[in-house]
Amino acid sequence: MVRLFFALGCLISSFNLYASDASVTWTAVFDNIQPRDSDVTQQYCISHTPTVMVTTIDQITSQSGVKTLNGLTVKYHNYSSDIKDGLLFITVNANVSGVDEQGPWSQKMKLFEQSLSEEDEGVTWAVWSTASCKGSFIGTPTTGKMMKNSNEKMSPSISIITLGVDDLSSATTFYKKGLGLPYSSHSNDNVSFFDLNGAWLGLFQKEALAEGANVKNDGAGFSGVTLAHNVPSKEGVDRILKLAESAGAEITKPAKDTFWGGYSGYFSDVDGYLWEVAWNPHFTMNE
């Protein structure tokens, strides 16, 4: 499973190691979330831990904090750092807050971080804990002027594909029950995640997703983006298209032989996102 792990700490460690730059954007998913004792459930820890967070250094170090994808707020308070034998160790004190069925809640979070060397370009290994839960992460800067090495290249992978949807419940039902994708325990009332066997599919309210990306939600029609699902046979293409149609999708292009020697068709999901289902004899795929 290819995952992108992130937390508050990597911002502070990189902020300390390298010159701060407000243009740097950080994206994250906390992982290995688990209770610290038997009195707390796994579901409690999942719902009371940040999932995906997109922020800049200026935002994470401000008193207003950063809103995470699952509706929680992370506020940075203070940190201390120490260098031993060429390794940077940082202790971060933060606060996580939100609202559950009992009402507003708030709890302290502590992060213990280690950056192996300056050659890691801000990558930070860490563990975190609250009074009830604990976990780990790897922090990584994702966009902006964070690379000192001009030869640095983006890793050839996609970690999360997030679709902005009009009705989260309907979209979740389409992918969970209609297509049968494995529903992740990281999901909650604000976001749905599905395991794509190498990446994640995320569903989020379109208006909030546009706001988080600082763009207007006024697009219509073809967005210029399609998603693809490859299968190992022509029969697999027909089967998936039929499954999608029975779940409420519109078949925009029935499957047929392609000019590149394969076989593919397209469907549009309940929010209008286009999926190509294809058999490509030039690639080895597992269905």
Protein backbone atom coordinates (compact mmCIF):
# COMPACT_ATOMS: atom_id res chain seq x y z
CA MET A 1 0.00 0.00 0.00
CA VAL A 2 1.38 3.36 -1.04
CA ARG A 3 0.40 5.93 1.55
CA LEU A 4 1.16 9.53 2.25
CA PHE A 5 1.65 10.04 5.99
CA PHE A 6 1.86 13.47 7.56
CA ALA A 7 1.45 15.42 10.78
CA LEU A 8 1.99 18.76 12.42
CA GLY A 9 5.52 17.90 13.48
CA CYS A 10 7.08 17.81 10.04
CA LEU A 11 6.15 21.45 9.60
CA ILE A 12 7.99 22.46 12.72
CA SER A 13 11.07 20.34 12.05
CA SER A 14 11.42 21.63 8.51
CA PHE A 15 10.70 25.16 9.70
CA ASN A 16 13.63 24.79 12.09
CA LEU A 17 16.02 23.05 9.65
CA TYR A 18 15.38 25.21 6.60
CA ALA A 19 14.37 28.78 5.96
CA SER A 20 10.63 29.16 6.35
CA ASP A 21 8.66 29.71 3.16
CA ALA A 22 4.96 30.56 3.20
CA SER A 23 4.58 29.01 -0.26
CA VAL A 24 5.28 25.49 1.00
CA THR A 25 2.14 23.36 1.20
CA TRP A 26 1.91 20.21 3.31
CA THR A 27 -0.58 17.38 2.84
CA ALA A 28 -1.15 14.57 5.28
CA VAL A 29 -2.79 11.45 6.62
CA PHE A 30 -2.17 10.26 10.21
CA ASP A 31 -1.79 6.50 10.47
CA ASN A 32 -1.33 3.55 12.87
CA ILE A 33 -4.09 5.06 15.02
CA GLN A 34 -4.81 2.98 18.12
CA PRO A 35 -6.06 3.29 21.74
CA ARG A 36 -3.57 3.71 24.56
CA ASP A 37 -5.63 1.52 26.92
CA SER A 38 -8.59 -0.88 26.92
CA ASP A 39 -11.06 1.80 28.08
CA VAL A 40 -10.92 3.51 24.68
CA THR A 41 -12.24 2.06 21.41
CA GLN A 42 -10.51 2.07 18.05
CA GLN A 43 -13.43 3.98 16.52
CA TYR A 44 -13.09 6.71 19.17
CA CYS A 45 -9.42 7.19 18.29
CA ILE A 46 -10.16 7.30 14.56
CA SER A 47 -12.89 9.93 14.99
CA HIS A 48 -10.75 12.01 17.40
CA THR A 49 -7.56 12.00 15.30
CA PRO A 50 -6.84 14.25 12.29
CA THR A 51 -6.96 12.43 8.95
CA VAL A 52 -6.03 14.57 5.93
CA MET A 53 -4.62 18.07 6.44
CA VAL A 54 -3.49 20.62 3.86
CA THR A 55 -1.66 23.64 5.23
CA THR A 56 1.27 26.03 5.03
CA ILE A 57 3.83 26.82 7.72
CA ASP A 58 2.17 30.17 8.42
CA GLN A 59 -1.21 28.49 8.97
CA ILE A 60 0.02 25.69 11.23
CA THR A 61 1.97 28.09 13.44
CA SER A 62 -0.92 30.56 13.78
CA GLN A 63 -3.18 30.72 16.82
CA SER A 64 -6.26 29.98 14.73
CA GLY A 65 -4.92 26.56 13.79
CA VAL A 66 -5.73 24.43 10.73
CA LYS A 67 -8.98 22.67 9.85
CA THR A 68 -8.45 19.05 8.82
CA LEU A 69 -10.41 17.11 6.21
CA ASN A 70 -12.42 15.26 8.88
CA GLY A 71 -13.51 18.53 10.52
CA LEU A 72 -11.06 18.72 13.44
CA THR A 73 -8.86 21.70 14.29
CA VAL A 74 -5.14 21.40 15.02
CA LYS A 75 -3.45 24.26 16.88
CA TYR A 76 0.32 24.51 17.32
CA HIS A 77 1.52 25.81 20.70
CA ASN A 78 5.29 25.35 21.19
CA TYR A 79 8.19 23.03 20.52
CA SER A 80 11.75 22.30 21.59
CA SER A 81 14.55 20.83 19.49
CA ASP A 82 17.95 19.25 20.06
CA ILE A 83 20.67 17.94 17.74
CA LYS A 84 22.52 14.81 18.85
CA ASP A 85 25.15 13.08 16.72
CA GLY A 86 23.89 14.84 13.62
CA LEU A 87 20.24 13.89 14.20
CA LEU A 88 17.51 16.43 14.90
CA PHE A 89 15.04 15.57 17.67
CA ILE A 90 11.94 17.70 18.23
CA THR A 91 9.16 17.64 20.81
CA VAL A 92 5.96 19.42 19.75
CA ASN A 93 3.02 20.45 21.95
CA ALA A 94 -0.25 20.92 20.08
CA ASN A 95 -3.98 20.84 20.62
CA VAL A 96 -6.69 18.94 18.70
CA SER A 97 -10.37 19.87 18.99
CA GLY A 98 -13.70 19.04 17.40
CA VAL A 99 -17.35 18.26 18.04
CA ASP A 100 -18.83 14.78 18.61
CA GLU A 101 -22.20 13.45 19.87
CA GLN A 102 -21.31 14.69 23.36
CA GLY A 103 -20.58 18.20 22.15
CA PRO A 104 -17.32 20.19 21.75
CA TRP A 105 -14.12 18.48 22.88
CA SER A 106 -10.44 19.40 23.06
CA GLN A 107 -7.32 17.45 23.95
CA LYS A 108 -3.57 17.94 23.99
CA MET A 109 -1.36 16.17 21.45
CA LYS A 110 2.38 15.60 21.82
CA LEU A 111 4.65 14.67 18.93
CA PHE A 112 8.15 13.22 19.15
CA GLU A 113 10.05 13.63 15.91
CA GLN A 114 13.35 12.74 14.33
CA SER A 115 14.90 14.00 11.10
CA LEU A 116 17.75 11.78 9.94
CA SER A 117 19.78 14.37 8.05
CA GLU A 118 19.55 17.56 6.03
CA GLU A 119 19.68 15.43 2.87
CA ASP A 120 16.17 14.22 3.74
CA GLU A 121 14.91 17.68 2.67
CA GLY A 122 12.41 18.01 5.50
CA VAL A 123 11.20 14.39 5.71
CA THR A 124 10.47 13.63 9.38
CA TRP A 125 9.83 10.35 11.17
CA ALA A 126 7.66 10.68 14.28
CA VAL A 127 5.24 9.22 16.80
CA TRP A 128 2.36 11.12 18.41
CA SER A 129 0.03 10.65 21.37
CA THR A 130 -2.97 12.16 23.13
CA ALA A 131 -4.37 11.19 26.52
CA SER A 132 -6.36 8.38 24.90
CA CYS A 133 -4.73 7.49 21.57
CA LYS A 134 -1.41 7.15 19.79
CA GLY A 135 0.05 6.58 16.35
CA SER A 136 2.91 7.35 13.96
CA PHE A 137 3.60 9.15 10.69
CA ILE A 138 6.18 10.25 8.17
CA GLY A 139 6.00 13.97 7.40
CA THR A 140 6.75 15.16 3.85
CA PRO A 141 6.55 18.62 2.20
CA THR A 142 4.45 18.29 -0.96
CA THR A 143 4.53 21.57 -2.91
CA GLY A 144 6.37 24.86 -2.88
CA LYS A 145 10.02 25.82 -2.56
CA MET A 146 11.08 23.10 -0.15
CA MET A 147 13.78 21.31 -2.17
CA LYS A 148 17.43 22.40 -1.80
CA ASN A 149 18.60 19.80 -4.34
CA SER A 150 17.72 21.02 -7.86
CA ASN A 151 17.88 17.42 -9.09
CA GLU A 152 15.10 16.32 -6.75
CA LYS A 153 12.20 14.62 -8.54
CA MET A 154 8.63 13.87 -7.59
CA SER A 155 8.03 10.26 -6.62
CA PRO A 156 6.13 8.51 -9.47
CA SER A 157 3.01 7.71 -7.50
CA ILE A 158 -0.46 9.02 -6.61
CA SER A 159 -1.43 8.60 -2.95
CA ILE A 160 -4.97 10.01 -2.75
CA ILE A 161 -7.51 10.87 -5.46
CA THR A 162 -10.16 13.14 -3.90
CA LEU A 163 -13.45 13.73 -5.70
CA GLY A 164 -15.58 16.74 -4.82
CA VAL A 165 -19.19 15.53 -4.59
CA ASP A 166 -22.58 17.21 -4.20
CA ASP A 167 -24.08 14.58 -1.87
CA LEU A 168 -21.54 12.68 0.24
CA SER A 169 -24.05 10.04 1.33
CA SER A 170 -25.16 9.21 -2.21
CA ALA A 171 -21.62 9.18 -3.56
CA THR A 172 -20.46 6.94 -0.71
CA THR A 173 -23.31 4.52 -1.38
CA PHE A 174 -22.42 4.39 -5.08
CA TYR A 175 -18.79 3.43 -4.48
CA LYS A 176 -19.32 1.34 -1.33
CA LYS A 177 -22.44 -0.65 -2.19
CA GLY A 178 -22.74 -0.11 -5.93
CA LEU A 179 -19.13 -0.79 -6.96
CA GLY A 180 -18.14 -2.69 -3.83
CA LEU A 181 -14.95 -0.74 -3.07
CA PRO A 182 -13.48 -1.43 0.41
CA TYR A 183 -14.62 1.34 2.78
CA SER A 184 -11.85 2.65 5.07
CA SER A 185 -12.17 3.08 8.84
CA HIS A 186 -10.60 6.55 8.36
CA SER A 187 -13.97 7.69 6.96
CA ASN A 188 -16.43 9.81 8.95
CA ASP A 189 -19.37 12.18 8.46
CA ASN A 190 -17.20 14.64 6.51
CA VAL A 191 -15.14 12.41 4.25
CA SER A 192 -15.21 8.88 2.83
CA PHE A 193 -12.08 6.87 1.98
CA PHE A 194 -11.74 3.71 -0.10
CA ASP A 195 -8.74 1.42 -0.37
CA LEU A 196 -7.60 1.24 -4.02
CA ASN A 197 -4.87 -1.36 -3.43
CA GLY A 198 -1.96 1.03 -3.86
CA ALA A 199 -3.65 4.38 -3.28
CA TRP A 200 -6.79 5.92 -1.73
CA LEU A 201 -10.00 7.29 -3.21
CA GLY A 202 -11.49 10.12 -1.17
CA LEU A 203 -14.96 11.68 -1.38
CA PHE A 204 -15.46 15.19 0.04
CA GLN A 205 -18.09 17.89 -0.25
CA LYS A 206 -17.35 19.82 -3.45
CA GLU A 207 -17.81 23.29 -1.97
CA ALA A 208 -15.51 22.53 0.97
CA LEU A 209 -12.92 20.91 -1.29
CA ALA A 210 -12.82 23.99 -3.53
CA GLU A 211 -12.52 26.23 -0.48
CA GLY A 212 -9.64 24.14 0.84
CA ALA A 213 -7.83 24.49 -2.49
CA ASN A 214 -8.59 28.23 -2.58
CA VAL A 215 -10.46 28.04 -5.90
CA LYS A 216 -14.01 28.89 -6.96
CA ASN A 217 -16.60 26.12 -7.18
CA ASP A 218 -18.10 27.30 -10.46
CA GLY A 219 -16.96 24.60 -12.89
CA ALA A 220 -19.41 22.83 -15.18
CA GLY A 221 -19.21 20.10 -17.78
CA PHE A 222 -16.01 18.22 -18.62
CA SER A 223 -13.27 18.99 -16.10
CA GLY A 224 -10.44 17.76 -18.31
CA VAL A 225 -9.79 14.78 -16.00
CA THR A 226 -10.79 11.13 -16.28
CA LEU A 227 -10.10 8.20 -13.95
CA ALA A 228 -9.17 4.73 -15.16
CA HIS A 229 -9.65 1.19 -13.87
CA ASN A 230 -7.74 -1.51 -15.76
CA VAL A 231 -8.80 -5.15 -15.71
CA PRO A 232 -7.07 -8.29 -17.05
CA SER A 233 -9.67 -9.24 -19.70
CA LYS A 234 -12.30 -7.92 -22.11
CA GLU A 235 -14.93 -9.76 -20.11
CA GLY A 236 -13.81 -7.82 -17.05
CA VAL A 237 -14.49 -4.53 -18.83
CA ASP A 238 -18.04 -5.57 -19.68
CA ARG A 239 -18.64 -6.84 -16.15
CA ILE A 240 -17.49 -3.62 -14.43
CA LEU A 241 -19.47 -1.40 -16.80
CA LYS A 242 -22.58 -3.46 -16.14
CA LEU A 243 -21.96 -3.24 -12.38
CA ALA A 244 -21.55 0.54 -12.56
CA GLU A 245 -24.72 0.96 -14.63
CA SER A 246 -26.73 -1.13 -12.16
CA ALA A 247 -25.44 1.10 -9.35
CA GLY A 248 -26.74 4.25 -11.06
CA ALA A 249 -23.89 5.25 -13.36
CA GLU A 250 -24.44 6.42 -16.94
CA ILE A 251 -22.55 4.55 -19.67
CA THR A 252 -21.15 7.40 -21.75
CA LYS A 253 -19.24 5.15 -24.14
CA PRO A 254 -20.02 1.43 -24.49
CA ALA A 255 -16.97 -0.85 -24.50
CA LYS A 256 -15.32 -1.51 -27.85
CA ASP A 257 -11.93 -2.35 -29.35
CA THR A 258 -9.50 0.60 -29.29
CA PHE A 259 -6.97 1.90 -31.81
CA TRP A 260 -4.13 1.06 -29.38
CA GLY A 261 -5.03 -2.62 -29.33
CA GLY A 262 -7.09 -2.77 -26.17
CA TYR A 263 -10.76 -2.75 -25.19
CA SER A 264 -12.43 -0.03 -23.11
CA GLY A 265 -15.59 1.90 -22.26
CA TYR A 266 -16.58 4.84 -20.07
CA PHE A 267 -19.14 5.48 -17.36
CA SER A 268 -20.09 8.66 -15.49
CA ASP A 269 -20.62 8.29 -11.74
CA VAL A 270 -23.43 9.93 -9.74
CA ASP A 271 -21.50 13.23 -9.61
CA GLY A 272 -20.47 13.19 -13.28
CA TYR A 273 -16.90 11.96 -12.86
CA LEU A 274 -15.75 9.94 -15.86
CA TRP A 275 -14.24 6.49 -15.35
CA GLU A 276 -12.60 4.51 -18.14
CA VAL A 277 -12.72 0.73 -17.68
CA ALA A 278 -10.08 -0.86 -19.87
CA TRP A 279 -8.27 -4.02 -20.86
CA ASN A 280 -4.74 -3.20 -22.02
CA PRO A 281 -2.73 -6.15 -23.36
CA HIS A 282 0.45 -4.07 -23.08
CA PHE A 283 0.20 -3.90 -19.26
CA THR A 284 -0.09 -6.67 -16.67
CA MET A 285 -2.94 -5.78 -14.31
CA ASN A 286 -4.64 -7.50 -11.40
CA GLU A 287 -8.41 -7.12 -11.11
